[in-house]
Amino acid sequence: MTSPSQTPARALADLLGDIRACRACADDLPHAPRPVVQASLTARLCIAGQAPGTKVHASGKPFDDRSGDRLRSWMGIDRDVFYDEARVATIPMGFCFPGQDAKGGDLPPLKRCAQLWRSQIFEVLQNVRLILVVGGYAQAWHLGSERKPTLTETVRSWRDYVPDFLPLPHPSWRNTGWLKKNPWFEAEVVPYLQERVRDLV
């Protein structure tokens, strides 16, 4: 927890240090913990995703994979802007790669991570004006009872959540079929997303 006597900068630095040193889930992970997070007090845009995948676990950089390439394309920004923590925060539901299932898909983020850290970090990030809520796990946490019965319905109802939140499907290449079935996403949501991103970063 942050102390009332701390400056916001010190509070965030201490919190990020604690997150990066966290080993709370060490016994539940198939590898050594490597929390991945990006944040600063000046960031006005936040990406709330799921959890790191194998490539992100290896590099330590959020969305440093094909999913990130697609997300950056949707946002209309390059890697330099995306990884500028002064402008963009990335706060996943789980900071560590949770491992893979028998089919090679990533497992869900471990719940303990969000319980330990998410409320604390969003309490400190007072300048965030838009949170991109990527995927069902993040939408459940941020939108709560306001989300729709399915991810598709939630994303289709994006106008209900702006200007504070913008629900997005996960940019995984496994979702290429979803994008083909829902052309309204790239026709309606992506232009709005790019306009907001330009304003914020």
C-alpha atoms as a PDB file:
ATOM      1  CA  MET A   1       0.000   0.000   0.000  1.00  0.00           C
ATOM      2  CA  THR A   2       1.127   3.557  -0.663  1.00  0.00           C
ATOM      3  CA  SER A   3       1.749   5.917   2.245  1.00  0.00           C
ATOM      4  CA  PRO A   4      -0.018   9.313   2.528  1.00  0.00           C
ATOM      5  CA  SER A   5       3.384  10.903   3.159  1.00  0.00           C
ATOM      6  CA  GLN A   6       4.838   9.677  -0.147  1.00  0.00           C
ATOM      7  CA  THR A   7       4.955  11.836  -3.229  1.00  0.00           C
ATOM      8  CA  PRO A   8       3.060  10.308  -6.179  1.00  0.00           C
ATOM      9  CA  ALA A   9       6.348   9.739  -8.015  1.00  0.00           C
ATOM     10  CA  ARG A  10       7.869   7.902  -5.044  1.00  0.00           C
ATOM     11  CA  ALA A  11       4.681   5.914  -4.527  1.00  0.00           C
ATOM     12  CA  LEU A  12       4.658   4.748  -8.144  1.00  0.00           C
ATOM     13  CA  ALA A  13       8.387   3.963  -8.156  1.00  0.00           C
ATOM     14  CA  ASP A  14       8.021   1.894  -4.979  1.00  0.00           C
ATOM     15  CA  LEU A  15       4.926   0.138  -6.322  1.00  0.00           C
ATOM     16  CA  LEU A  16       6.567  -0.740  -9.649  1.00  0.00           C
ATOM     17  CA  GLY A  17       9.587  -2.016  -7.751  1.00  0.00           C
ATOM     18  CA  ASP A  18       7.361  -4.216  -5.604  1.00  0.00           C
ATOM     19  CA  ILE A  19       5.503  -5.531  -8.664  1.00  0.00           C
ATOM     20  CA  ARG A  20       8.701  -6.357 -10.547  1.00  0.00           C
ATOM     21  CA  ALA A  21      10.073  -8.137  -7.466  1.00  0.00           C
ATOM     22  CA  CYS A  22       6.828 -10.030  -6.794  1.00  0.00           C
ATOM     23  CA  ARG A  23       7.135 -13.791  -6.368  1.00  0.00           C
ATOM     24  CA  ALA A  24       3.661 -14.456  -4.934  1.00  0.00           C
ATOM     25  CA  CYS A  25       2.760 -16.889  -7.718  1.00  0.00           C
ATOM     26  CA  ALA A  26       6.147 -18.601  -8.022  1.00  0.00           C
ATOM     27  CA  ASP A  27       4.761 -21.972  -6.961  1.00  0.00           C
ATOM     28  CA  ASP A  28       1.954 -21.767  -9.529  1.00  0.00           C
ATOM     29  CA  LEU A  29       4.011 -20.850 -12.583  1.00  0.00           C
ATOM     30  CA  PRO A  30       5.885 -23.241 -14.899  1.00  0.00           C
ATOM     31  CA  HIS A  31       8.883 -20.886 -14.939  1.00  0.00           C
ATOM     32  CA  ALA A  32      10.552 -18.211 -12.820  1.00  0.00           C
ATOM     33  CA  PRO A  33       8.317 -15.134 -12.351  1.00  0.00           C
ATOM     34  CA  ARG A  34       9.064 -12.196 -14.644  1.00  0.00           C
ATOM     35  CA  PRO A  35       6.458  -9.463 -14.089  1.00  0.00           C
ATOM     36  CA  VAL A  36       5.971  -7.201 -17.117  1.00  0.00           C
ATOM     37  CA  VAL A  37       4.522  -3.725 -16.545  1.00  0.00           C
ATOM     38  CA  GLN A  38       4.905  -0.238 -18.019  1.00  0.00           C
ATOM     39  CA  ALA A  39       3.657   2.915 -16.287  1.00  0.00           C
ATOM     40  CA  SER A  40       4.400   6.519 -15.383  1.00  0.00           C
ATOM     41  CA  LEU A  41       2.538   9.363 -13.715  1.00  0.00           C
ATOM     42  CA  THR A  42       2.268  11.269 -17.003  1.00  0.00           C
ATOM     43  CA  ALA A  43       0.695   8.463 -19.051  1.00  0.00           C
ATOM     44  CA  ARG A  44      -2.786   9.417 -20.239  1.00  0.00           C
ATOM     45  CA  LEU A  45      -3.449   6.198 -22.137  1.00  0.00           C
ATOM     46  CA  CYS A  46      -3.482   2.776 -20.501  1.00  0.00           C
ATOM     47  CA  ILE A  47      -3.691  -0.667 -22.072  1.00  0.00           C
ATOM     48  CA  ALA A  48      -5.308  -3.223 -19.792  1.00  0.00           C
ATOM     49  CA  GLY A  49      -4.543  -6.589 -21.340  1.00  0.00           C
ATOM     50  CA  GLN A  50      -4.540 -10.218 -20.310  1.00  0.00           C
ATOM     51  CA  ALA A  51      -1.050 -11.524 -19.472  1.00  0.00           C
ATOM     52  CA  PRO A  52       2.337 -11.825 -21.184  1.00  0.00           C
ATOM     53  CA  GLY A  53       2.851 -14.582 -23.742  1.00  0.00           C
ATOM     54  CA  THR A  54       6.028 -16.521 -24.394  1.00  0.00           C
ATOM     55  CA  LYS A  55       7.756 -13.806 -26.449  1.00  0.00           C
ATOM     56  CA  VAL A  56       6.869 -11.080 -23.956  1.00  0.00           C
ATOM     57  CA  HIS A  57       8.103 -13.285 -21.117  1.00  0.00           C
ATOM     58  CA  ALA A  58      11.402 -13.647 -22.967  1.00  0.00           C
ATOM     59  CA  SER A  59      11.866  -9.952 -23.817  1.00  0.00           C
ATOM     60  CA  GLY A  60      10.259  -8.325 -20.784  1.00  0.00           C
ATOM     61  CA  LYS A  61       8.463  -5.814 -23.043  1.00  0.00           C
ATOM     62  CA  PRO A  62       4.638  -5.714 -23.148  1.00  0.00           C
ATOM     63  CA  PHE A  63       3.009  -6.763 -26.431  1.00  0.00           C
ATOM     64  CA  ASP A  64       6.404  -7.474 -27.984  1.00  0.00           C
ATOM     65  CA  ASP A  65       4.894 -10.010 -30.399  1.00  0.00           C
ATOM     66  CA  ARG A  66       2.511 -10.335 -33.353  1.00  0.00           C
ATOM     67  CA  SER A  67      -0.448  -9.422 -31.138  1.00  0.00           C
ATOM     68  CA  GLY A  68       1.351  -6.207 -30.290  1.00  0.00           C
ATOM     69  CA  ASP A  69       1.935  -5.494 -33.968  1.00  0.00           C
ATOM     70  CA  ARG A  70      -1.789  -5.754 -34.606  1.00  0.00           C
ATOM     71  CA  LEU A  71      -2.653  -3.664 -31.549  1.00  0.00           C
ATOM     72  CA  ARG A  72      -0.240  -0.915 -32.604  1.00  0.00           C
ATOM     73  CA  SER A  73      -1.807  -0.995 -36.079  1.00  0.00           C
ATOM     74  CA  TRP A  74      -5.264  -0.530 -34.561  1.00  0.00           C
ATOM     75  CA  MET A  75      -3.934   2.352 -32.447  1.00  0.00           C
ATOM     76  CA  GLY A  76      -2.095   3.972 -35.349  1.00  0.00           C
ATOM     77  CA  ILE A  77       1.228   4.319 -33.494  1.00  0.00           C
ATOM     78  CA  ASP A  78       4.719   2.900 -33.861  1.00  0.00           C
ATOM     79  CA  ARG A  79       6.854   1.042 -31.349  1.00  0.00           C
ATOM     80  CA  ASP A  80       8.650   4.195 -30.193  1.00  0.00           C
ATOM     81  CA  VAL A  81       5.392   5.774 -29.039  1.00  0.00           C
ATOM     82  CA  PHE A  82       3.971   2.516 -27.715  1.00  0.00           C
ATOM     83  CA  TYR A  83       6.993   1.892 -25.475  1.00  0.00           C
ATOM     84  CA  ASP A  84       7.234   5.479 -24.259  1.00  0.00           C
ATOM     85  CA  GLU A  85       6.104   4.985 -20.670  1.00  0.00           C
ATOM     86  CA  ALA A  86       5.619   8.735 -20.286  1.00  0.00           C
ATOM     87  CA  ARG A  87       2.714   8.429 -22.701  1.00  0.00           C
ATOM     88  CA  VAL A  88       1.446   4.837 -22.583  1.00  0.00           C
ATOM     89  CA  ALA A  89       0.933   2.568 -19.577  1.00  0.00           C
ATOM     90  CA  THR A  90       0.460  -1.193 -19.938  1.00  0.00           C
ATOM     91  CA  ILE A  91      -1.167  -2.904 -16.971  1.00  0.00           C
ATOM     92  CA  PRO A  92      -2.168  -6.523 -17.723  1.00  0.00           C
ATOM     93  CA  MET A  93      -4.497  -8.614 -15.587  1.00  0.00           C
ATOM     94  CA  GLY A  94      -1.552 -10.860 -14.803  1.00  0.00           C
ATOM     95  CA  PHE A  95       2.006  -9.517 -14.889  1.00  0.00           C
ATOM     96  CA  CYS A  96       3.628 -12.924 -15.473  1.00  0.00           C
ATOM     97  CA  PHE A  97       3.263 -15.422 -18.308  1.00  0.00           C
ATOM     98  CA  PRO A  98       0.876 -18.061 -16.900  1.00  0.00           C
ATOM     99  CA  GLY A  99       2.019 -20.941 -19.103  1.00  0.00           C
ATOM    100  CA  GLN A 100       0.224 -22.832 -21.857  1.00  0.00           C
ATOM    101  CA  ASP A 101      -2.485 -25.455 -22.061  1.00  0.00           C
ATOM    102  CA  ALA A 102      -2.209 -28.795 -23.867  1.00  0.00           C
ATOM    103  CA  LYS A 103      -3.222 -27.183 -27.172  1.00  0.00           C
ATOM    104  CA  GLY A 104      -0.528 -24.504 -27.001  1.00  0.00           C
ATOM    105  CA  GLY A 105      -2.832 -21.660 -26.004  1.00  0.00           C
ATOM    106  CA  ASP A 106      -1.964 -19.365 -23.126  1.00  0.00           C
ATOM    107  CA  LEU A 107      -3.566 -20.152 -19.782  1.00  0.00           C
ATOM    108  CA  PRO A 108      -5.727 -17.506 -18.058  1.00  0.00           C
ATOM    109  CA  PRO A 109      -3.925 -14.896 -15.959  1.00  0.00           C
ATOM    110  CA  LEU A 110      -3.559 -15.933 -12.336  1.00  0.00           C
ATOM    111  CA  LYS A 111      -6.211 -14.182 -10.222  1.00  0.00           C
ATOM    112  CA  ARG A 112      -3.850 -13.451  -7.336  1.00  0.00           C
ATOM    113  CA  CYS A 113      -1.974 -10.868  -9.401  1.00  0.00           C
ATOM    114  CA  ALA A 114      -4.981  -8.605  -9.924  1.00  0.00           C
ATOM    115  CA  GLN A 115      -5.999  -9.011  -6.282  1.00  0.00           C
ATOM    116  CA  LEU A 116      -2.573  -7.882  -5.106  1.00  0.00           C
ATOM    117  CA  TRP A 117      -1.756  -5.028  -7.439  1.00  0.00           C
ATOM    118  CA  ARG A 118      -4.411  -3.596  -9.747  1.00  0.00           C
ATOM    119  CA  SER A 119      -6.314  -1.372  -7.322  1.00  0.00           C
ATOM    120  CA  GLN A 120      -3.040   0.022  -5.972  1.00  0.00           C
ATOM    121  CA  ILE A 121      -1.580   0.935  -9.327  1.00  0.00           C
ATOM    122  CA  PHE A 122      -4.735   2.545 -10.721  1.00  0.00           C
ATOM    123  CA  GLU A 123      -5.012   4.575  -7.526  1.00  0.00           C
ATOM    124  CA  VAL A 124      -1.647   6.127  -8.371  1.00  0.00           C
ATOM    125  CA  LEU A 125      -2.172   6.621 -12.129  1.00  0.00           C
ATOM    126  CA  GLN A 126      -4.320   9.723 -11.808  1.00  0.00           C
ATOM    127  CA  ASN A 127      -3.626  11.149 -15.297  1.00  0.00           C
ATOM    128  CA  VAL A 128      -5.028   8.220 -17.280  1.00  0.00           C
ATOM    129  CA  ARG A 129      -7.900   9.424 -19.476  1.00  0.00           C
ATOM    130  CA  LEU A 130      -8.594   6.278 -21.507  1.00  0.00           C
ATOM    131  CA  ILE A 131      -8.170   2.604 -20.698  1.00  0.00           C
ATOM    132  CA  LEU A 132      -8.139   0.182 -23.623  1.00  0.00           C
ATOM    133  CA  VAL A 133      -9.803  -2.889 -22.113  1.00  0.00           C
ATOM    134  CA  VAL A 134      -8.372  -5.755 -24.147  1.00  0.00           C
ATOM    135  CA  GLY A 135     -10.095  -9.136 -23.915  1.00  0.00           C
ATOM    136  CA  GLY A 136     -12.656 -10.692 -21.630  1.00  0.00           C
ATOM    137  CA  TYR A 137     -10.615 -10.896 -18.415  1.00  0.00           C
ATOM    138  CA  ALA A 138      -9.794  -7.189 -18.418  1.00  0.00           C
ATOM    139  CA  GLN A 139     -13.347  -6.297 -19.393  1.00  0.00           C
ATOM    140  CA  ALA A 140     -14.710  -8.293 -16.460  1.00  0.00           C
ATOM    141  CA  TRP A 141     -12.433  -6.428 -14.026  1.00  0.00           C
ATOM    142  CA  HIS A 142     -12.842  -2.903 -15.383  1.00  0.00           C
ATOM    143  CA  LEU A 143     -16.436  -2.941 -16.617  1.00  0.00           C
ATOM    144  CA  GLY A 144     -17.939  -5.280 -14.039  1.00  0.00           C
ATOM    145  CA  SER A 145     -21.718  -5.548 -14.255  1.00  0.00           C
ATOM    146  CA  GLU A 146     -21.752  -3.045 -17.111  1.00  0.00           C
ATOM    147  CA  ARG A 147     -20.239  -5.482 -19.598  1.00  0.00           C
ATOM    148  CA  LYS A 148     -22.514  -7.441 -21.911  1.00  0.00           C
ATOM    149  CA  PRO A 149     -23.046 -11.232 -21.879  1.00  0.00           C
ATOM    150  CA  THR A 150     -20.366 -11.828 -24.536  1.00  0.00           C
ATOM    151  CA  LEU A 151     -17.153 -10.143 -25.585  1.00  0.00           C
ATOM    152  CA  THR A 152     -18.594  -9.438 -29.036  1.00  0.00           C
ATOM    153  CA  GLU A 153     -21.607  -7.671 -27.554  1.00  0.00           C
ATOM    154  CA  THR A 154     -19.385  -5.697 -25.199  1.00  0.00           C
ATOM    155  CA  VAL A 155     -17.122  -4.508 -28.001  1.00  0.00           C
ATOM    156  CA  ARG A 156     -20.106  -3.770 -30.242  1.00  0.00           C
ATOM    157  CA  SER A 157     -21.511  -1.586 -27.430  1.00  0.00           C
ATOM    158  CA  TRP A 158     -18.262   0.402 -27.140  1.00  0.00           C
ATOM    159  CA  ARG A 159     -20.129   3.717 -27.204  1.00  0.00           C
ATOM    160  CA  ASP A 160     -21.620   2.817 -23.803  1.00  0.00           C
ATOM    161  CA  TYR A 161     -18.179   2.918 -22.183  1.00  0.00           C
ATOM    162  CA  VAL A 162     -16.365   5.863 -23.742  1.00  0.00           C
ATOM    163  CA  PRO A 163     -14.715   8.251 -23.015  1.00  0.00           C
ATOM    164  CA  ASP A 164     -13.150   6.430 -20.033  1.00  0.00           C
ATOM    165  CA  PHE A 165     -12.971   2.894 -21.412  1.00  0.00           C
ATOM    166  CA  LEU A 166     -12.800   1.324 -24.859  1.00  0.00           C
ATOM    167  CA  PRO A 167     -13.343  -2.451 -24.975  1.00  0.00           C
ATOM    168  CA  LEU A 168     -11.350  -4.294 -27.626  1.00  0.00           C
ATOM    169  CA  PRO A 169     -11.022  -7.919 -28.695  1.00  0.00           C
ATOM    170  CA  HIS A 170      -7.656  -9.480 -28.040  1.00  0.00           C
ATOM    171  CA  PRO A 171      -5.364  -8.662 -30.987  1.00  0.00           C
ATOM    172  CA  SER A 172      -4.122 -12.254 -31.147  1.00  0.00           C
ATOM    173  CA  TRP A 173      -3.847 -13.676 -34.654  1.00  0.00           C
ATOM    174  CA  ARG A 174      -6.119 -16.436 -33.395  1.00  0.00           C
ATOM    175  CA  ASN A 175      -8.877 -13.806 -33.613  1.00  0.00           C
ATOM    176  CA  THR A 176      -8.478 -13.179 -37.345  1.00  0.00           C
ATOM    177  CA  GLY A 177     -11.697 -15.108 -37.944  1.00  0.00           C
ATOM    178  CA  TRP A 178     -13.529 -12.905 -35.446  1.00  0.00           C
ATOM    179  CA  LEU A 179     -12.385  -9.788 -37.278  1.00  0.00           C
ATOM    180  CA  LYS A 180     -13.625 -11.176 -40.589  1.00  0.00           C
ATOM    181  CA  LYS A 181     -17.024 -11.958 -39.071  1.00  0.00           C
ATOM    182  CA  ASN A 182     -17.261  -8.511 -37.449  1.00  0.00           C
ATOM    183  CA  PRO A 183     -16.145  -5.953 -40.061  1.00  0.00           C
ATOM    184  CA  TRP A 184     -17.841  -3.176 -38.081  1.00  0.00           C
ATOM    185  CA  PHE A 185     -14.922  -3.306 -35.630  1.00  0.00           C
ATOM    186  CA  GLU A 186     -12.332  -2.025 -38.092  1.00  0.00           C
ATOM    187  CA  ALA A 187     -14.887   0.256 -39.767  1.00  0.00           C
ATOM    188  CA  GLU A 188     -16.213   1.921 -36.592  1.00  0.00           C
ATOM    189  CA  VAL A 189     -14.090   1.213 -33.531  1.00  0.00           C
ATOM    190  CA  VAL A 190     -10.593   1.498 -34.999  1.00  0.00           C
ATOM    191  CA  PRO A 191     -11.085   5.034 -36.426  1.00  0.00           C
ATOM    192  CA  TYR A 192     -12.388   6.227 -33.041  1.00  0.00           C
ATOM    193  CA  LEU A 193      -9.478   4.483 -31.294  1.00  0.00           C
ATOM    194  CA  GLN A 194      -6.909   6.157 -33.543  1.00  0.00           C
ATOM    195  CA  GLU A 195      -8.481   9.579 -33.043  1.00  0.00           C
ATOM    196  CA  ARG A 196      -8.410   9.223 -29.257  1.00  0.00           C
ATOM    197  CA  VAL A 197      -4.848   7.928 -29.302  1.00  0.00           C
ATOM    198  CA  ARG A 198      -3.707  10.912 -31.356  1.00  0.00           C
ATOM    199  CA  ASP A 199      -5.302  13.236 -28.826  1.00  0.00           C
ATOM    200  CA  LEU A 200      -3.732  11.489 -25.828  1.00  0.00           C
ATOM    201  CA  VAL A 201      -0.190  10.696 -26.917  1.00  0.00           C
END
